[in-house]
Amino acid sequence: MRNRLSYRRLTALTCLAVGCALQSVAYAQENKEYLVKAAFIYNFVKFVEWPGTKAIAGQSRIDICVLGNSEMMTSGNVFQAASTAKLTLALVQENNVKAAAEHCHVLYIDDGAAVEGALRSLKGSPVLTVGDADGFVDKGGMVGFVMSDNKIKLEVNTRAVSQAGMRVDAQLLEIALRVIDK
């Protein structure tokens, strides 16, 4: 009897451990996706030129903003680790598109946010709009994340970037899956 009870406990503990492990793997996969996207966004700062007072050379802080309730907010360590004594990269939750236009260099628009309204409000503003909603760049977004062959790829709308007075380096365009030109 005791042997049967121990076997049941062992079986239950094993099932619990496997369940927790699978849940951790699922969380890690989702979290990994946002860490990869955060790493891309960090590199966008290097390969995009902003006009006038938003030029990176004149900044001591770059606000990388998130519009919507996104898992992207869990990737703040990527930006904190990339910060230097001269330049701080700050991940900021932003719920007001007009405020984003004032202080954000990059605005990640969560798929659940009002994508089209946000893009309309920011049209022509020197804020790099990034998102992963279906057809993001076709709707006027500047850089869209898409899945291709189980990998995160980019689409770039250079027309929207140019209208905002910004410029994307050719190296970024080379790795894009699709580029919407002028």
C-alpha atoms as a PDB file:
ATOM      1  CA  MET A   1       0.000   0.000   0.000  1.00  0.00           C
ATOM      2  CA  ARG A   2       2.742   2.427   0.957  1.00  0.00           C
ATOM      3  CA  ASN A   3       4.605   1.575  -2.206  1.00  0.00           C
ATOM      4  CA  ARG A   4       1.491   2.345  -4.298  1.00  0.00           C
ATOM      5  CA  LEU A   5       1.041   5.707  -2.493  1.00  0.00           C
ATOM      6  CA  SER A   6       4.676   6.654  -3.112  1.00  0.00           C
ATOM      7  CA  TYR A   7       4.287   5.709  -6.781  1.00  0.00           C
ATOM      8  CA  ARG A   8       1.192   7.927  -7.075  1.00  0.00           C
ATOM      9  CA  ARG A   9       2.990  10.821  -5.395  1.00  0.00           C
ATOM     10  CA  LEU A  10       5.977  10.363  -7.659  1.00  0.00           C
ATOM     11  CA  THR A  11       3.705  10.238 -10.702  1.00  0.00           C
ATOM     12  CA  ALA A  12       1.828  13.360  -9.572  1.00  0.00           C
ATOM     13  CA  LEU A  13       5.082  15.229  -8.874  1.00  0.00           C
ATOM     14  CA  THR A  14       6.468  14.186 -12.248  1.00  0.00           C
ATOM     15  CA  CYS A  15       3.308  15.386 -14.034  1.00  0.00           C
ATOM     16  CA  LEU A  16       3.453  18.662 -12.111  1.00  0.00           C
ATOM     17  CA  ALA A  17       7.135  19.139 -12.954  1.00  0.00           C
ATOM     18  CA  VAL A  18       6.556  18.373 -16.653  1.00  0.00           C
ATOM     19  CA  GLY A  19       3.573  20.757 -16.713  1.00  0.00           C
ATOM     20  CA  CYS A  20       5.628  23.532 -15.105  1.00  0.00           C
ATOM     21  CA  ALA A  21       8.490  22.883 -17.503  1.00  0.00           C
ATOM     22  CA  LEU A  22       6.194  23.076 -20.542  1.00  0.00           C
ATOM     23  CA  GLN A  23       4.660  26.277 -19.228  1.00  0.00           C
ATOM     24  CA  SER A  24       8.156  27.721 -18.684  1.00  0.00           C
ATOM     25  CA  VAL A  25       9.174  26.738 -22.215  1.00  0.00           C
ATOM     26  CA  ALA A  26       6.047  28.435 -23.628  1.00  0.00           C
ATOM     27  CA  TYR A  27       6.744  31.566 -21.568  1.00  0.00           C
ATOM     28  CA  ALA A  28      10.420  31.514 -22.552  1.00  0.00           C
ATOM     29  CA  GLN A  29       9.507  31.205 -26.247  1.00  0.00           C
ATOM     30  CA  GLU A  30       7.107  34.161 -26.054  1.00  0.00           C
ATOM     31  CA  ASN A  31       9.565  36.154 -23.961  1.00  0.00           C
ATOM     32  CA  LYS A  32      12.357  35.264 -26.407  1.00  0.00           C
ATOM     33  CA  GLU A  33      10.284  36.701 -29.248  1.00  0.00           C
ATOM     34  CA  TYR A  34      10.082  40.065 -27.490  1.00  0.00           C
ATOM     35  CA  LEU A  35      13.776  39.972 -26.607  1.00  0.00           C
ATOM     36  CA  VAL A  36      14.596  39.451 -30.294  1.00  0.00           C
ATOM     37  CA  LYS A  37      12.276  42.319 -31.245  1.00  0.00           C
ATOM     38  CA  ALA A  38      13.886  44.502 -28.560  1.00  0.00           C
ATOM     39  CA  ALA A  39      17.325  43.696 -29.969  1.00  0.00           C
ATOM     40  CA  PHE A  40      16.097  44.716 -33.435  1.00  0.00           C
ATOM     41  CA  ILE A  41      14.711  47.977 -32.038  1.00  0.00           C
ATOM     42  CA  TYR A  42      18.009  48.694 -30.284  1.00  0.00           C
ATOM     43  CA  ASN A  43      19.747  48.313 -33.643  1.00  0.00           C
ATOM     44  CA  PHE A  44      17.207  50.542 -35.377  1.00  0.00           C
ATOM     45  CA  VAL A  45      18.572  53.385 -33.257  1.00  0.00           C
ATOM     46  CA  LYS A  46      21.940  52.813 -34.942  1.00  0.00           C
ATOM     47  CA  PHE A  47      20.568  52.609 -38.496  1.00  0.00           C
ATOM     48  CA  VAL A  48      17.994  55.400 -38.550  1.00  0.00           C
ATOM     49  CA  GLU A  49      18.704  59.133 -38.754  1.00  0.00           C
ATOM     50  CA  TRP A  50      16.318  61.532 -37.043  1.00  0.00           C
ATOM     51  CA  PRO A  51      16.091  65.196 -38.088  1.00  0.00           C
ATOM     52  CA  GLY A  52      17.048  68.345 -36.153  1.00  0.00           C
ATOM     53  CA  THR A  53      16.551  68.289 -32.411  1.00  0.00           C
ATOM     54  CA  LYS A  54      15.769  64.559 -32.438  1.00  0.00           C
ATOM     55  CA  ALA A  55      19.147  63.647 -33.990  1.00  0.00           C
ATOM     56  CA  ILE A  56      20.780  60.940 -31.875  1.00  0.00           C
ATOM     57  CA  ALA A  57      24.099  62.795 -31.685  1.00  0.00           C
ATOM     58  CA  GLY A  58      22.480  65.555 -29.624  1.00  0.00           C
ATOM     59  CA  GLN A  59      20.738  63.247 -27.147  1.00  0.00           C
ATOM     60  CA  SER A  60      21.620  61.997 -23.696  1.00  0.00           C
ATOM     61  CA  ARG A  61      18.450  59.874 -23.493  1.00  0.00           C
ATOM     62  CA  ILE A  62      16.482  57.971 -26.116  1.00  0.00           C
ATOM     63  CA  ASP A  63      12.920  57.017 -25.213  1.00  0.00           C
ATOM     64  CA  ILE A  64      11.824  53.755 -26.768  1.00  0.00           C
ATOM     65  CA  CYS A  65       8.111  53.789 -26.101  1.00  0.00           C
ATOM     66  CA  VAL A  66       5.467  51.078 -26.077  1.00  0.00           C
ATOM     67  CA  LEU A  67       1.852  51.883 -26.918  1.00  0.00           C
ATOM     68  CA  GLY A  68      -0.581  49.291 -25.608  1.00  0.00           C
ATOM     69  CA  ASN A  69      -0.337  46.481 -23.100  1.00  0.00           C
ATOM     70  CA  SER A  70       2.543  44.622 -24.644  1.00  0.00           C
ATOM     71  CA  GLU A  71       4.924  41.940 -23.478  1.00  0.00           C
ATOM     72  CA  MET A  72       7.572  44.226 -24.990  1.00  0.00           C
ATOM     73  CA  MET A  73       7.675  45.969 -21.601  1.00  0.00           C
ATOM     74  CA  THR A  74       9.380  42.841 -20.187  1.00  0.00           C
ATOM     75  CA  SER A  75      12.426  43.435 -22.409  1.00  0.00           C
ATOM     76  CA  GLY A  76      13.678  46.574 -20.672  1.00  0.00           C
ATOM     77  CA  ASN A  77      16.928  44.884 -19.689  1.00  0.00           C
ATOM     78  CA  VAL A  78      18.012  44.867 -23.337  1.00  0.00           C
ATOM     79  CA  PHE A  79      17.901  48.663 -23.427  1.00  0.00           C
ATOM     80  CA  GLN A  80      19.338  49.105 -19.950  1.00  0.00           C
ATOM     81  CA  ALA A  81      22.308  46.896 -20.884  1.00  0.00           C
ATOM     82  CA  ALA A  82      22.846  48.862 -24.105  1.00  0.00           C
ATOM     83  CA  SER A  83      22.902  52.219 -22.305  1.00  0.00           C
ATOM     84  CA  THR A  84      26.214  54.003 -21.834  1.00  0.00           C
ATOM     85  CA  ALA A  85      27.411  56.846 -19.621  1.00  0.00           C
ATOM     86  CA  LYS A  86      26.665  59.248 -22.496  1.00  0.00           C
ATOM     87  CA  LEU A  87      23.407  57.766 -23.791  1.00  0.00           C
ATOM     88  CA  THR A  88      20.551  56.181 -21.845  1.00  0.00           C
ATOM     89  CA  LEU A  89      18.079  53.987 -23.695  1.00  0.00           C
ATOM     90  CA  ALA A  90      14.837  54.031 -21.722  1.00  0.00           C
ATOM     91  CA  LEU A  91      11.858  51.742 -22.263  1.00  0.00           C
ATOM     92  CA  VAL A  92       8.737  53.784 -21.534  1.00  0.00           C
ATOM     93  CA  GLN A  93       5.083  52.733 -21.386  1.00  0.00           C
ATOM     94  CA  GLU A  94       3.151  55.389 -23.307  1.00  0.00           C
ATOM     95  CA  ASN A  95      -0.625  55.510 -23.591  1.00  0.00           C
ATOM     96  CA  ASN A  96      -0.938  58.929 -25.218  1.00  0.00           C
ATOM     97  CA  VAL A  97       0.019  59.182 -28.897  1.00  0.00           C
ATOM     98  CA  LYS A  98       0.406  62.978 -28.760  1.00  0.00           C
ATOM     99  CA  ALA A  99       2.837  62.660 -25.839  1.00  0.00           C
ATOM    100  CA  ALA A 100       4.703  59.993 -27.790  1.00  0.00           C
ATOM    101  CA  ALA A 101       5.260  62.457 -30.640  1.00  0.00           C
ATOM    102  CA  GLU A 102       6.911  64.831 -28.181  1.00  0.00           C
ATOM    103  CA  HIS A 103       9.480  62.579 -26.509  1.00  0.00           C
ATOM    104  CA  CYS A 104       9.683  59.153 -28.182  1.00  0.00           C
ATOM    105  CA  HIS A 105      12.282  58.307 -30.803  1.00  0.00           C
ATOM    106  CA  VAL A 106      10.771  54.865 -31.351  1.00  0.00           C
ATOM    107  CA  LEU A 107       7.170  53.829 -30.715  1.00  0.00           C
ATOM    108  CA  TYR A 108       6.366  50.130 -30.655  1.00  0.00           C
ATOM    109  CA  ILE A 109       2.641  49.861 -31.304  1.00  0.00           C
ATOM    110  CA  ASP A 110       1.229  46.695 -29.808  1.00  0.00           C
ATOM    111  CA  ASP A 111      -1.041  44.679 -32.063  1.00  0.00           C
ATOM    112  CA  GLY A 112      -3.894  45.195 -29.598  1.00  0.00           C
ATOM    113  CA  ALA A 113      -3.563  48.990 -29.694  1.00  0.00           C
ATOM    114  CA  ALA A 114      -5.474  51.196 -32.116  1.00  0.00           C
ATOM    115  CA  VAL A 115      -2.813  50.832 -34.803  1.00  0.00           C
ATOM    116  CA  GLU A 116      -4.415  52.833 -37.602  1.00  0.00           C
ATOM    117  CA  GLY A 117      -5.431  55.723 -35.335  1.00  0.00           C
ATOM    118  CA  ALA A 118      -1.952  55.910 -33.812  1.00  0.00           C
ATOM    119  CA  LEU A 119      -0.297  55.880 -37.242  1.00  0.00           C
ATOM    120  CA  ARG A 120      -2.637  58.625 -38.507  1.00  0.00           C
ATOM    121  CA  SER A 121      -1.815  60.770 -35.463  1.00  0.00           C
ATOM    122  CA  LEU A 122       1.931  60.303 -35.902  1.00  0.00           C
ATOM    123  CA  LYS A 123       2.047  60.710 -39.695  1.00  0.00           C
ATOM    124  CA  GLY A 124       4.891  63.087 -40.526  1.00  0.00           C
ATOM    125  CA  SER A 125       6.264  63.099 -36.947  1.00  0.00           C
ATOM    126  CA  PRO A 126       9.900  62.063 -36.502  1.00  0.00           C
ATOM    127  CA  VAL A 127       8.980  58.975 -34.450  1.00  0.00           C
ATOM    128  CA  LEU A 128      10.018  55.578 -35.791  1.00  0.00           C
ATOM    129  CA  THR A 129       6.810  53.548 -35.683  1.00  0.00           C
ATOM    130  CA  VAL A 130       7.356  49.814 -35.197  1.00  0.00           C
ATOM    131  CA  GLY A 131       4.757  47.085 -34.897  1.00  0.00           C
ATOM    132  CA  ASP A 132       3.730  43.562 -35.698  1.00  0.00           C
ATOM    133  CA  ALA A 133       0.073  43.924 -36.648  1.00  0.00           C
ATOM    134  CA  ASP A 134      -0.914  42.355 -39.961  1.00  0.00           C
ATOM    135  CA  GLY A 135      -0.147  44.782 -42.784  1.00  0.00           C
ATOM    136  CA  PHE A 136       1.546  47.254 -40.402  1.00  0.00           C
ATOM    137  CA  VAL A 137       3.740  48.893 -43.063  1.00  0.00           C
ATOM    138  CA  ASP A 138       0.891  48.908 -45.576  1.00  0.00           C
ATOM    139  CA  LYS A 139      -1.142  50.945 -43.074  1.00  0.00           C
ATOM    140  CA  GLY A 140       1.636  53.557 -42.827  1.00  0.00           C
ATOM    141  CA  GLY A 141       3.892  52.031 -40.151  1.00  0.00           C
ATOM    142  CA  MET A 142       7.613  52.441 -40.725  1.00  0.00           C
ATOM    143  CA  VAL A 143       9.025  49.074 -39.630  1.00  0.00           C
ATOM    144  CA  GLY A 144       6.935  45.934 -39.309  1.00  0.00           C
ATOM    145  CA  PHE A 145       7.865  42.627 -37.731  1.00  0.00           C
ATOM    146  CA  VAL A 146       6.630  39.582 -39.651  1.00  0.00           C
ATOM    147  CA  MET A 147       7.171  35.863 -39.185  1.00  0.00           C
ATOM    148  CA  SER A 148       8.764  34.024 -42.096  1.00  0.00           C
ATOM    149  CA  ASP A 149      10.194  30.505 -41.867  1.00  0.00           C
ATOM    150  CA  ASN A 150       9.699  30.671 -38.076  1.00  0.00           C
ATOM    151  CA  LYS A 151      11.977  33.700 -37.887  1.00  0.00           C
ATOM    152  CA  ILE A 152      11.263  37.333 -37.162  1.00  0.00           C
ATOM    153  CA  LYS A 153      11.829  39.395 -40.299  1.00  0.00           C
ATOM    154  CA  LEU A 154      11.355  43.053 -41.173  1.00  0.00           C
ATOM    155  CA  GLU A 155       9.299  45.056 -43.586  1.00  0.00           C
ATOM    156  CA  VAL A 156      10.221  48.710 -44.049  1.00  0.00           C
ATOM    157  CA  ASN A 157       8.093  51.543 -45.411  1.00  0.00           C
ATOM    158  CA  THR A 158      10.673  54.073 -46.614  1.00  0.00           C
ATOM    159  CA  ARG A 159       7.882  56.353 -47.844  1.00  0.00           C
ATOM    160  CA  ALA A 160       6.573  56.802 -44.283  1.00  0.00           C
ATOM    161  CA  VAL A 161      10.126  57.222 -42.971  1.00  0.00           C
ATOM    162  CA  SER A 162      10.884  59.950 -45.558  1.00  0.00           C
ATOM    163  CA  GLN A 163       7.611  61.779 -44.863  1.00  0.00           C
ATOM    164  CA  ALA A 164       8.743  62.080 -41.236  1.00  0.00           C
ATOM    165  CA  GLY A 165      12.056  63.648 -42.291  1.00  0.00           C
ATOM    166  CA  MET A 166      13.996  60.548 -41.267  1.00  0.00           C
ATOM    167  CA  ARG A 167      16.321  58.248 -43.153  1.00  0.00           C
ATOM    168  CA  VAL A 168      16.979  54.510 -42.923  1.00  0.00           C
ATOM    169  CA  ASP A 169      20.506  53.238 -43.594  1.00  0.00           C
ATOM    170  CA  ALA A 170      20.859  50.897 -46.574  1.00  0.00           C
ATOM    171  CA  GLN A 171      22.209  48.145 -44.300  1.00  0.00           C
ATOM    172  CA  LEU A 172      18.833  47.924 -42.571  1.00  0.00           C
ATOM    173  CA  LEU A 173      17.032  47.829 -45.908  1.00  0.00           C
ATOM    174  CA  GLU A 174      19.267  44.964 -47.082  1.00  0.00           C
ATOM    175  CA  ILE A 175      17.998  42.652 -44.345  1.00  0.00           C
ATOM    176  CA  ALA A 176      14.332  43.572 -44.871  1.00  0.00           C
ATOM    177  CA  LEU A 177      12.043  40.932 -46.311  1.00  0.00           C
ATOM    178  CA  ARG A 178      10.092  43.681 -48.104  1.00  0.00           C
ATOM    179  CA  VAL A 179      10.652  47.398 -48.671  1.00  0.00           C
ATOM    180  CA  ILE A 180       7.908  49.830 -49.676  1.00  0.00           C
ATOM    181  CA  ASP A 181       9.673  52.520 -51.680  1.00  0.00           C
ATOM    182  CA  LYS A 182       8.709  56.084 -52.460  1.00  0.00           C
END
